[in-house]
C-alpha atoms as a PDB file:
ATOM      1  CA  MET A   1     -90.152 -52.831  13.137  1.00  0.00           C
ATOM      2  CA  SER A   2     -86.816 -54.362  14.666  1.00  0.00           C
ATOM      3  CA  LEU A   3     -85.254 -52.569  17.213  1.00  0.00           C
ATOM      4  CA  THR A   4     -81.618 -52.542  17.497  1.00  0.00           C
ATOM      5  CA  ILE A   5     -79.829 -51.198  20.851  1.00  0.00           C
ATOM      6  CA  VAL A   6     -76.742 -50.190  20.743  1.00  0.00           C
ATOM      7  CA  GLN A   7     -74.274 -50.840  23.614  1.00  0.00           C
ATOM      8  CA  PRO A   8     -72.142 -47.682  24.873  1.00  0.00           C
ATOM      9  CA  ARG A   9     -68.228 -48.475  24.155  1.00  0.00           C
ATOM     10  CA  THR A  10     -65.950 -48.618  26.966  1.00  0.00           C
ATOM     11  CA  VAL A  11     -63.066 -46.581  26.667  1.00  0.00           C
ATOM     12  CA  LEU A  12     -59.969 -48.397  28.657  1.00  0.00           C
ATOM     13  CA  ARG A  13     -57.225 -45.696  29.674  1.00  0.00           C
ATOM     14  CA  ALA A  14     -53.855 -47.060  30.386  1.00  0.00           C
ATOM     15  CA  ALA A  15     -52.837 -46.085  33.964  1.00  0.00           C
ATOM     16  CA  ALA A  16     -49.792 -43.810  34.086  1.00  0.00           C
ATOM     17  CA  PRO A  17     -46.143 -45.421  34.744  1.00  0.00           C
ATOM     18  CA  ALA A  18     -44.938 -44.722  37.885  1.00  0.00           C
ATOM     19  CA  PRO A  19     -42.362 -41.824  37.905  1.00  0.00           C
ATOM     20  CA  THR A  20     -38.695 -42.774  38.099  1.00  0.00           C
ATOM     21  CA  ASP A  21     -36.774 -41.525  40.785  1.00  0.00           C
ATOM     22  CA  LEU A  22     -34.276 -38.852  39.639  1.00  0.00           C
ATOM     23  CA  GLY A  23     -33.246 -37.873  43.070  1.00  0.00           C
ATOM     24  CA  THR A  24     -33.650 -34.154  43.956  1.00  0.00           C
ATOM     25  CA  VAL A  25     -34.404 -33.288  40.004  1.00  0.00           C
ATOM     26  CA  SER A  26     -37.851 -32.467  39.301  1.00  0.00           C
ATOM     27  CA  PRO A  27     -39.159 -34.909  36.855  1.00  0.00           C
ATOM     28  CA  ILE A  28     -39.409 -34.095  33.121  1.00  0.00           C
ATOM     29  CA  ARG A  29     -43.174 -32.599  32.761  1.00  0.00           C
ATOM     30  CA  PRO A  30     -45.000 -33.780  29.183  1.00  0.00           C
ATOM     31  CA  ARG A  31     -45.815 -31.171  27.190  1.00  0.00           C
ATOM     32  CA  PRO A  32     -49.668 -29.640  27.779  1.00  0.00           C
ATOM     33  CA  ALA A  33     -52.273 -30.426  25.207  1.00  0.00           C
ATOM     34  CA  SER A  34     -53.212 -28.045  22.803  1.00  0.00           C
ATOM     35  CA  PRO A  35     -56.253 -26.121  23.802  1.00  0.00           C
ATOM     36  CA  ALA A  36     -57.522 -26.439  20.047  1.00  0.00           C
ATOM     37  CA  ALA A  37     -57.419 -30.172  20.329  1.00  0.00           C
ATOM     38  CA  THR A  38     -61.017 -31.621  20.480  1.00  0.00           C
ATOM     39  CA  GLY A  39     -62.496 -35.083  20.327  1.00  0.00           C
ATOM     40  CA  PRO A  40     -61.749 -38.161  22.135  1.00  0.00           C
ATOM     41  CA  ALA A  41     -58.218 -38.587  24.121  1.00  0.00           C
ATOM     42  CA  THR A  42     -55.949 -40.667  22.375  1.00  0.00           C
ATOM     43  CA  VAL A  43     -52.578 -42.291  23.258  1.00  0.00           C
ATOM     44  CA  PRO A  44     -50.016 -39.971  21.413  1.00  0.00           C
ATOM     45  CA  THR A  45     -47.408 -42.243  19.261  1.00  0.00           C
ATOM     46  CA  SER A  46     -44.265 -41.255  17.729  1.00  0.00           C
ATOM     47  CA  PRO A  47     -44.451 -40.760  13.820  1.00  0.00           C
ATOM     48  CA  VAL A  48     -42.675 -43.283  11.726  1.00  0.00           C
ATOM     49  CA  VAL A  49     -39.832 -41.360  10.009  1.00  0.00           C
ATOM     50  CA  ALA A  50     -38.031 -43.109   7.080  1.00  0.00           C
ATOM     51  CA  PRO A  51     -34.135 -43.023   8.378  1.00  0.00           C
ATOM     52  CA  GLN A  52     -32.064 -40.492   6.388  1.00  0.00           C
ATOM     53  CA  ARG A  53     -28.344 -40.712   5.777  1.00  0.00           C
ATOM     54  CA  ASN A  54     -26.344 -37.859   7.470  1.00  0.00           C
ATOM     55  CA  ARG A  55     -24.934 -35.807   4.916  1.00  0.00           C
ATOM     56  CA  ALA A  56     -21.903 -35.306   7.159  1.00  0.00           C
ATOM     57  CA  LEU A  57     -20.812 -38.531   7.260  1.00  0.00           C
ATOM     58  CA  PRO A  58     -18.181 -39.955   4.959  1.00  0.00           C
ATOM     59  CA  GLU A  59     -19.193 -42.647   2.345  1.00  0.00           C
ATOM     60  CA  GLY A  60     -18.860 -46.038   4.087  1.00  0.00           C
ATOM     61  CA  THR A  61     -19.398 -44.989   7.364  1.00  0.00           C
ATOM     62  CA  GLU A  62     -22.161 -44.768   9.968  1.00  0.00           C
ATOM     63  CA  ALA A  63     -23.291 -42.740  12.971  1.00  0.00           C
ATOM     64  CA  ARG A  64     -22.989 -44.778  16.216  1.00  0.00           C
ATOM     65  CA  GLY A  65     -24.265 -42.161  18.531  1.00  0.00           C
ATOM     66  CA  PHE A  66     -23.142 -38.820  19.764  1.00  0.00           C
ATOM     67  CA  ALA A  67     -21.092 -36.703  22.076  1.00  0.00           C
ATOM     68  CA  LEU A  68     -23.148 -33.642  23.809  1.00  0.00           C
ATOM     69  CA  TYR A  69     -20.753 -31.156  25.791  1.00  0.00           C
ATOM     70  CA  VAL A  70     -22.229 -29.731  28.936  1.00  0.00           C
ATOM     71  CA  GLY A  71     -20.336 -26.879  30.599  1.00  0.00           C
ATOM     72  CA  ILE A  72     -21.946 -26.672  34.093  1.00  0.00           C
ATOM     73  CA  ASP A  73     -19.800 -26.380  37.095  1.00  0.00           C
ATOM     74  CA  GLU A  74     -20.659 -27.134  40.801  1.00  0.00           C
ATOM     75  CA  ALA A  75     -21.331 -23.459  41.615  1.00  0.00           C
ATOM     76  CA  LYS A  76     -23.974 -23.158  38.479  1.00  0.00           C
ATOM     77  CA  ALA A  77     -25.717 -26.404  39.296  1.00  0.00           C
ATOM     78  CA  ALA A  78     -25.854 -25.414  43.029  1.00  0.00           C
ATOM     79  CA  ALA A  79     -27.396 -22.065  42.223  1.00  0.00           C
ATOM     80  CA  ALA A  80     -29.941 -23.703  39.671  1.00  0.00           C
ATOM     81  CA  GLY A  81     -30.901 -25.881  42.835  1.00  0.00           C
ATOM     82  CA  THR A  82     -29.462 -29.226  41.768  1.00  0.00           C
ATOM     83  CA  THR A  83     -26.206 -30.842  41.199  1.00  0.00           C
ATOM     84  CA  LEU A  84     -24.187 -32.199  38.328  1.00  0.00           C
ATOM     85  CA  ALA A  85     -25.188 -35.959  39.492  1.00  0.00           C
ATOM     86  CA  ALA A  86     -28.969 -35.247  39.115  1.00  0.00           C
ATOM     87  CA  VAL A  87     -28.462 -33.243  36.005  1.00  0.00           C
ATOM     88  CA  VAL A  88     -26.808 -36.450  34.335  1.00  0.00           C
ATOM     89  CA  GLU A  89     -29.304 -38.797  35.747  1.00  0.00           C
ATOM     90  CA  GLN A  90     -32.072 -36.580  34.355  1.00  0.00           C
ATOM     91  CA  LEU A  91     -30.373 -36.435  30.894  1.00  0.00           C
ATOM     92  CA  LYS A  92     -30.073 -40.418  31.075  1.00  0.00           C
ATOM     93  CA  ALA A  93     -33.232 -41.248  31.952  1.00  0.00           C
ATOM     94  CA  LEU A  94     -34.883 -38.653  28.995  1.00  0.00           C
ATOM     95  CA  THR A  95     -32.479 -40.516  26.431  1.00  0.00           C
ATOM     96  CA  ALA A  96     -33.837 -43.842  27.793  1.00  0.00           C
ATOM     97  CA  GLN A  97     -37.233 -42.550  27.495  1.00  0.00           C
ATOM     98  CA  LEU A  98     -36.930 -40.939  23.767  1.00  0.00           C
ATOM     99  CA  VAL A  99     -34.993 -44.458  22.849  1.00  0.00           C
ATOM    100  CA  PRO A 100     -35.586 -47.156  25.282  1.00  0.00           C
ATOM    101  CA  SER A 101     -32.452 -49.319  23.518  1.00  0.00           C
ATOM    102  CA  SER A 102     -30.074 -46.929  23.758  1.00  0.00           C
ATOM    103  CA  GLU A 103     -26.705 -46.846  25.971  1.00  0.00           C
ATOM    104  CA  THR A 104     -25.313 -44.133  28.050  1.00  0.00           C
ATOM    105  CA  TYR A 105     -21.889 -43.255  29.523  1.00  0.00           C
ATOM    106  CA  ALA A 106     -21.001 -40.085  31.403  1.00  0.00           C
ATOM    107  CA  ALA A 107     -17.914 -39.044  32.078  1.00  0.00           C
ATOM    108  CA  VAL A 108     -17.014 -35.570  33.941  1.00  0.00           C
ATOM    109  CA  ALA A 109     -14.259 -33.197  32.931  1.00  0.00           C
ATOM    110  CA  VAL A 110     -12.167 -32.027  35.650  1.00  0.00           C
ATOM    111  CA  ALA A 111      -9.789 -28.992  35.860  1.00  0.00           C
ATOM    112  CA  SER A 112      -7.351 -27.307  38.137  1.00  0.00           C
ATOM    113  CA  GLU A 113      -9.096 -24.463  40.564  1.00  0.00           C
ATOM    114  CA  ASN A 114      -9.610 -20.897  38.606  1.00  0.00           C
ATOM    115  CA  SER A 115      -8.181 -22.013  35.489  1.00  0.00           C
ATOM    116  CA  GLY A 116     -10.391 -19.875  33.895  1.00  0.00           C
ATOM    117  CA  GLY A 117     -11.914 -20.411  30.247  1.00  0.00           C
ATOM    118  CA  ARG A 118     -15.771 -21.409  29.537  1.00  0.00           C
ATOM    119  CA  ASP A 119     -16.791 -24.319  30.950  1.00  0.00           C
ATOM    120  CA  VAL A 120     -17.875 -25.946  27.895  1.00  0.00           C
ATOM    121  CA  ASP A 121     -14.329 -25.259  26.125  1.00  0.00           C
ATOM    122  CA  VAL A 122     -12.620 -26.988  29.358  1.00  0.00           C
ATOM    123  CA  VAL A 123     -14.899 -30.008  29.097  1.00  0.00           C
ATOM    124  CA  ARG A 124     -14.381 -30.249  25.250  1.00  0.00           C
ATOM    125  CA  LEU A 125     -10.484 -30.143  25.758  1.00  0.00           C
ATOM    126  CA  ALA A 126     -10.440 -32.536  28.927  1.00  0.00           C
ATOM    127  CA  LEU A 127     -12.407 -34.976  26.677  1.00  0.00           C
ATOM    128  CA  GLN A 128     -10.118 -34.631  23.535  1.00  0.00           C
ATOM    129  CA  ASP A 129     -13.002 -33.189  21.202  1.00  0.00           C
ATOM    130  CA  ARG A 130     -10.683 -32.865  18.005  1.00  0.00           C
ATOM    131  CA  SER A 131     -11.896 -29.786  16.645  1.00  0.00           C
ATOM    132  CA  ALA A 132     -11.070 -28.204  20.476  1.00  0.00           C
ATOM    133  CA  VAL A 133      -7.695 -29.552  20.457  1.00  0.00           C
ATOM    134  CA  ALA A 134      -7.100 -28.257  17.167  1.00  0.00           C
ATOM    135  CA  ALA A 135      -7.861 -24.862  17.883  1.00  0.00           C
ATOM    136  CA  ARG A 136      -6.178 -25.166  20.906  1.00  0.00           C
ATOM    137  CA  LYS A 137      -2.758 -26.282  19.141  1.00  0.00           C
ATOM    138  CA  GLN A 138      -3.194 -23.417  16.443  1.00  0.00           C
ATOM    139  CA  ALA A 139      -3.439 -20.866  19.601  1.00  0.00           C
ATOM    140  CA  GLU A 140      -0.445 -22.199  21.095  1.00  0.00           C
ATOM    141  CA  LYS A 141       1.577 -22.222  17.903  1.00  0.00           C
ATOM    142  CA  PRO A 142       4.712 -19.820  18.232  1.00  0.00           C
ATOM    143  CA  GLU A 143       4.652 -17.086  15.355  1.00  0.00           C
ATOM    144  CA  PRO A 144       7.495 -17.606  12.967  1.00  0.00           C
ATOM    145  CA  GLU A 145      10.654 -15.271  13.796  1.00  0.00           C
ATOM    146  CA  GLU A 146      11.071 -12.360  11.549  1.00  0.00           C
ATOM    147  CA  THR A 147      14.367 -12.174   9.934  1.00  0.00           C
ATOM    148  CA  GLY A 148      15.547  -9.282   7.609  1.00  0.00           C
ATOM    149  CA  VAL A 149      14.402  -5.424   7.868  1.00  0.00           C
ATOM    150  CA  VAL A 150      10.784  -4.808   8.934  1.00  0.00           C
ATOM    151  CA  ILE A 151       9.423  -1.199   8.638  1.00  0.00           C
ATOM    152  CA  ASP A 152       6.114  -1.188  10.062  1.00  0.00           C
ATOM    153  CA  ILE A 153       4.725   2.203   9.175  1.00  0.00           C
ATOM    154  CA  SER A 154       1.631   1.817  11.062  1.00  0.00           C
ATOM    155  CA  ARG A 155       3.225   1.320  14.578  1.00  0.00           C
ATOM    156  CA  LYS A 156       6.157   3.664  13.720  1.00  0.00           C
ATOM    157  CA  ARG A 157       8.714   0.510  14.494  1.00  0.00           C
ATOM    158  CA  VAL A 158      11.418  -0.785  12.721  1.00  0.00           C
ATOM    159  CA  THR A 159      12.983  -4.232  13.569  1.00  0.00           C
ATOM    160  CA  LEU A 160      15.911  -5.968  12.665  1.00  0.00           C
ATOM    161  CA  ASP A 161      16.160  -9.816  12.384  1.00  0.00           C
ATOM    162  CA  GLY A 162      13.179  -9.759  15.083  1.00  0.00           C
ATOM    163  CA  GLU A 163      14.715  -7.199  17.601  1.00  0.00           C
ATOM    164  CA  ALA A 164      13.708  -3.404  17.498  1.00  0.00           C
ATOM    165  CA  ALA A 165      15.922  -0.848  16.340  1.00  0.00           C
ATOM    166  CA  PRO A 166      16.578   2.036  18.397  1.00  0.00           C
ATOM    167  CA  LEU A 167      15.411   4.897  16.264  1.00  0.00           C
ATOM    168  CA  THR A 168      14.603   8.289  17.362  1.00  0.00           C
ATOM    169  CA  TYR A 169      11.256   9.793  16.463  1.00  0.00           C
ATOM    170  CA  LYS A 170      13.160  11.891  13.462  1.00  0.00           C
ATOM    171  CA  GLU A 171      15.312   9.130  12.283  1.00  0.00           C
ATOM    172  CA  PHE A 172      11.811   7.056  11.700  1.00  0.00           C
ATOM    173  CA  GLU A 173      10.508  10.317  10.262  1.00  0.00           C
ATOM    174  CA  LEU A 174      13.359  10.524   7.954  1.00  0.00           C
ATOM    175  CA  LEU A 175      13.268   6.842   6.915  1.00  0.00           C
ATOM    176  CA  GLN A 176       9.343   6.960   6.448  1.00  0.00           C
ATOM    177  CA  PHE A 177       9.776   9.971   3.998  1.00  0.00           C
ATOM    178  CA  LEU A 178      12.046   7.922   2.040  1.00  0.00           C
ATOM    179  CA  VAL A 179      10.133   4.638   2.144  1.00  0.00           C
ATOM    180  CA  LEU A 180       6.890   6.376   0.955  1.00  0.00           C
ATOM    181  CA  ARG A 181       9.034   7.923  -2.258  1.00  0.00           C
ATOM    182  CA  GLU A 182      10.347   4.286  -2.861  1.00  0.00           C
ATOM    183  CA  GLY A 183      12.519   4.257  -6.148  1.00  0.00           C
ATOM    184  CA  GLN A 184      12.628   8.166  -5.890  1.00  0.00           C
ATOM    185  CA  THR A 185      15.771   9.945  -5.524  1.00  0.00           C
ATOM    186  CA  VAL A 186      14.870  12.696  -2.937  1.00  0.00           C
ATOM    187  CA  ASP A 187      17.119  15.731  -2.904  1.00  0.00           C
ATOM    188  CA  ARG A 188      17.817  17.310   0.477  1.00  0.00           C
ATOM    189  CA  SER A 189      16.042  20.191   0.425  1.00  0.00           C
ATOM    190  CA  ALA A 190      12.708  18.021  -0.112  1.00  0.00           C
ATOM    191  CA  ILE A 191      13.771  16.453   3.164  1.00  0.00           C
ATOM    192  CA  ILE A 192      13.983  19.438   4.903  1.00  0.00           C
ATOM    193  CA  ASN A 193      10.901  21.169   3.382  1.00  0.00           C
ATOM    194  CA  GLY A 194       8.984  17.787   3.992  1.00  0.00           C
ATOM    195  CA  LEU A 195       9.880  17.012   7.866  1.00  0.00           C
ATOM    196  CA  TRP A 196      10.970  20.576   9.479  1.00  0.00           C
ATOM    197  CA  SER A 197       8.173  23.028   9.414  1.00  0.00           C
ATOM    198  CA  ASP A 198       9.057  26.676   8.675  1.00  0.00           C
ATOM    199  CA  GLY A 199       8.129  27.640  12.388  1.00  0.00           C
ATOM    200  CA  GLU A 200      10.958  25.123  13.955  1.00  0.00           C
ATOM    201  CA  ASP A 201      14.127  27.260  15.713  1.00  0.00           C
ATOM    202  CA  GLU A 202      16.615  24.111  14.549  1.00  0.00           C
ATOM    203  CA  THR A 203      15.752  23.796  10.818  1.00  0.00           C
ATOM    204  CA  PRO A 204      18.704  21.885   9.356  1.00  0.00           C
ATOM    205  CA  ASN A 205      20.925  22.969   6.133  1.00  0.00           C
ATOM    206  CA  GLU A 206      21.706  20.180   3.726  1.00  0.00           C
ATOM    207  CA  ARG A 207      24.903  19.079   5.521  1.00  0.00           C
ATOM    208  CA  THR A 208      23.009  18.617   8.674  1.00  0.00           C
ATOM    209  CA  ILE A 209      20.377  15.975   6.721  1.00  0.00           C
ATOM    210  CA  ASP A 210      23.786  14.135   5.854  1.00  0.00           C
ATOM    211  CA  VAL A 211      24.247  13.633   9.678  1.00  0.00           C
ATOM    212  CA  HIS A 212      20.882  12.341  10.379  1.00  0.00           C
ATOM    213  CA  VAL A 213      21.285  10.256   7.424  1.00  0.00           C
ATOM    214  CA  ARG A 214      24.724   8.608   8.773  1.00  0.00           C
ATOM    215  CA  ARG A 215      22.957   8.443  12.271  1.00  0.00           C
ATOM    216  CA  LEU A 216      19.946   6.430  10.637  1.00  0.00           C
ATOM    217  CA  ARG A 217      22.382   4.159   8.849  1.00  0.00           C
ATOM    218  CA  SER A 218      24.514   3.272  12.058  1.00  0.00           C
ATOM    219  CA  LYS A 219      21.098   1.991  13.665  1.00  0.00           C
ATOM    220  CA  LEU A 220      20.332  -0.083  10.589  1.00  0.00           C
ATOM    221  CA  GLY A 221      23.493  -2.227  11.090  1.00  0.00           C
ATOM    222  CA  ALA A 222      23.890  -4.460   8.000  1.00  0.00           C
ATOM    223  CA  PHE A 223      20.933  -3.241   6.461  1.00  0.00           C
ATOM    224  CA  GLU A 224      22.319   0.382   6.061  1.00  0.00           C
ATOM    225  CA  GLU A 225      22.406  -0.115   2.090  1.00  0.00           C
ATOM    226  CA  ILE A 226      18.428   0.361   2.021  1.00  0.00           C
ATOM    227  CA  VAL A 227      18.930   3.648   1.987  1.00  0.00           C
ATOM    228  CA  ARG A 228      21.257   5.039  -0.719  1.00  0.00           C
ATOM    229  CA  THR A 229      23.392   8.104  -1.378  1.00  0.00           C
ATOM    230  CA  VAL A 230      22.749   9.254  -5.116  1.00  0.00           C
ATOM    231  CA  ARG A 231      26.090  11.636  -5.432  1.00  0.00           C
ATOM    232  CA  GLY A 232      25.308  15.271  -5.979  1.00  0.00           C
ATOM    233  CA  VAL A 233      21.636  14.608  -5.885  1.00  0.00           C
ATOM    234  CA  GLY A 234      20.260  13.153  -2.492  1.00  0.00           C
ATOM    235  CA  TYR A 235      19.042  10.142  -1.090  1.00  0.00           C
ATOM    236  CA  ARG A 236      16.860   6.925  -1.780  1.00  0.00           C
ATOM    237  CA  PHE A 237      15.291   4.043  -0.262  1.00  0.00           C
ATOM    238  CA  ASP A 238      16.257   0.513  -2.380  1.00  0.00           C
ATOM    239  CA  ARG A 239      13.833  -2.219  -0.875  1.00  0.00           C
ATOM    240  CA  HIS A 240      15.836  -5.581  -0.832  1.00  0.00           C
ATOM    241  CA  ALA A 241      14.476  -9.012  -0.784  1.00  0.00           C
ATOM    242  CA  ASP A 242      14.819  -9.356   3.107  1.00  0.00           C
ATOM    243  CA  VAL A 243      13.035  -5.932   3.627  1.00  0.00           C
ATOM    244  CA  ALA A 244       9.482  -5.618   4.237  1.00  0.00           C
ATOM    245  CA  VAL A 245       7.321  -2.600   4.588  1.00  0.00           C
ATOM    246  CA  ARG A 246       4.033  -2.943   6.233  1.00  0.00           C
ATOM    247  CA  TYR A 247       1.926   0.258   5.694  1.00  0.00           C
ATOM    248  CA  ALA A 248      -1.065   1.845   7.878  1.00  0.00           C
ATOM    249  CA  SER A 249      -4.812   1.048   6.658  1.00  0.00           C
ATOM    250  CA  THR A 250      -5.356   4.609   5.886  1.00  0.00           C
ATOM    251  CA  PRO A 251      -2.846   6.725   3.395  1.00  0.00           C
ATOM    252  CA  SER A 252      -0.123   8.772   5.062  1.00  0.00           C
ATOM    253  CA  PRO A 253      -0.401  12.481   5.349  1.00  0.00           C
ATOM    254  CA  ASP A 254       3.291  12.533   4.479  1.00  0.00           C
ATOM    255  CA  LEU A 255       2.499  10.801   0.773  1.00  0.00           C
ATOM    256  CA  PHE A 256       1.153  12.957  -2.083  1.00  0.00           C
END
């Protein structure tokens, strides 16, 4: 009978590399091993992943790197027990660990003291991020000046070529009463019943309505013709091409 002696295999373990000096920043800790792992210790290796094209890239282009905008001011870094320089060094060290052939470049965004805004937005603007610059330009774009007549029912305001018309509360109510009945001829008695309650001490007569309309027209200036007189009947609102009406989001109680 033959006897075979099997020599125990010696497992050589590689010595851990010396930690990189990152100043006051704590070194990056490796992820702890899963408690469910069994068997002999093995050296982890990165899986080989087939390169896939980024669908966001236009045809004929390739990705050459990326920019990571980090919004941290000196006070926030100090409160976390570190500095901006230390954070930068650790991020650069992590990149070199993941991709040894990578190259990094760091730039600090500077802003005036107490300038406000989110740190990350300040960084993106300072480094001319396209989307951030486009958003800033859109926000700073002046609103086009309004021309003609704008009757804002929701805000109870009338503007003439961008300037507010000095209408009294009753004058606006009179104009609104006609606007909400656009195209209809409203007689004077309907205006009285609609705008003056029975309990008011100064309920006008039909001739007084003519005075109110005359005052309203005088304040509309060059646009007085939007309130038309229908002889022998009453008044009507005529919308012109240069007249805009902005209605409230909910129906007016004045409209039936």
